[in-house]
């Protein structure tokens, strides 16, 4: 996933002409907030922390 995010950043910089350092800073912040939101969503379903091997995809709740 990290490699795909990096490629998106590079494409966006080439298309929009943004400064790399500024965009990258906010890109990392957005990625962190997204990961925290996903983790909080998992905590709401299960009260105990879980490892990557124990995660399952659920289509319905």
Protein backbone atom coordinates (compact mmCIF):
# COMPACT_ATOMS: atom_id res chain seq x y z
CA UNK A 1 0.00 0.00 0.00
CA UNK A 2 2.82 2.41 0.77
CA UNK A 3 4.22 2.09 -2.75
CA UNK A 4 0.83 2.86 -4.32
CA UNK A 5 0.43 5.95 -2.14
CA UNK A 6 3.89 7.10 -3.18
CA UNK A 7 3.01 6.66 -6.86
CA UNK A 8 -0.18 8.70 -6.40
CA UNK A 9 1.83 11.48 -4.78
CA UNK A 10 4.31 11.52 -7.66
CA UNK A 11 1.48 11.61 -10.25
CA UNK A 12 -0.26 14.44 -8.43
CA UNK A 13 2.95 16.46 -8.26
CA UNK A 14 3.55 16.01 -11.97
CA UNK A 15 -0.03 16.98 -12.87
CA UNK A 16 -0.57 19.89 -10.51
CA UNK A 17 2.98 21.20 -10.18
CA UNK A 18 2.76 21.24 -6.38
CA UNK A 19 5.81 21.47 -4.20
CA UNK A 20 6.79 17.96 -3.15
CA UNK A 21 7.64 18.77 0.46
CA UNK A 22 4.36 20.56 1.20
CA UNK A 23 2.12 17.91 -0.42
CA UNK A 24 4.03 15.03 1.14
CA UNK A 25 3.64 16.51 4.63
CA UNK A 26 -0.15 16.68 4.34
CA UNK A 27 -0.31 13.32 2.54
CA UNK A 28 1.33 11.59 5.49
CA UNK A 29 -1.03 13.33 7.91
CA UNK A 30 -4.04 12.19 5.90
CA UNK A 31 -2.73 8.64 5.75
CA UNK A 32 -2.21 8.66 9.54
CA UNK A 33 -5.73 9.94 10.21
CA UNK A 34 -7.20 7.37 7.85
CA UNK A 35 -5.33 4.55 9.60
CA UNK A 36 -6.48 5.80 13.00
CA UNK A 37 -10.08 5.94 11.81
CA UNK A 38 -9.89 2.38 10.54
CA UNK A 39 -8.37 1.25 13.84
CA UNK A 40 -11.09 3.03 15.82
CA UNK A 41 -13.74 1.38 13.68
CA UNK A 42 -12.24 -2.03 14.41
CA UNK A 43 -12.15 -1.23 18.14
CA UNK A 44 -15.87 -0.40 18.09
CA UNK A 45 -16.66 -3.87 16.77
CA UNK A 46 -14.32 -5.69 19.10
CA UNK A 47 -13.13 -4.37 22.47
CA UNK A 48 -9.82 -6.24 22.29
CA UNK A 49 -6.94 -5.20 20.03
CA UNK A 50 -6.36 -7.48 17.07
CA UNK A 51 -3.40 -8.41 14.89
CA UNK A 52 -3.39 -8.38 11.11
CA UNK A 53 -3.78 -12.15 10.84
CA UNK A 54 -7.05 -12.10 12.78
CA UNK A 55 -8.78 -9.49 10.61
CA UNK A 56 -11.70 -10.58 8.43
CA UNK A 57 -13.65 -8.75 5.75
CA UNK A 58 -17.34 -8.40 6.63
CA UNK A 59 -19.83 -7.36 3.98
CA UNK A 60 -22.67 -6.98 6.50
CA UNK A 61 -22.82 -5.95 10.14
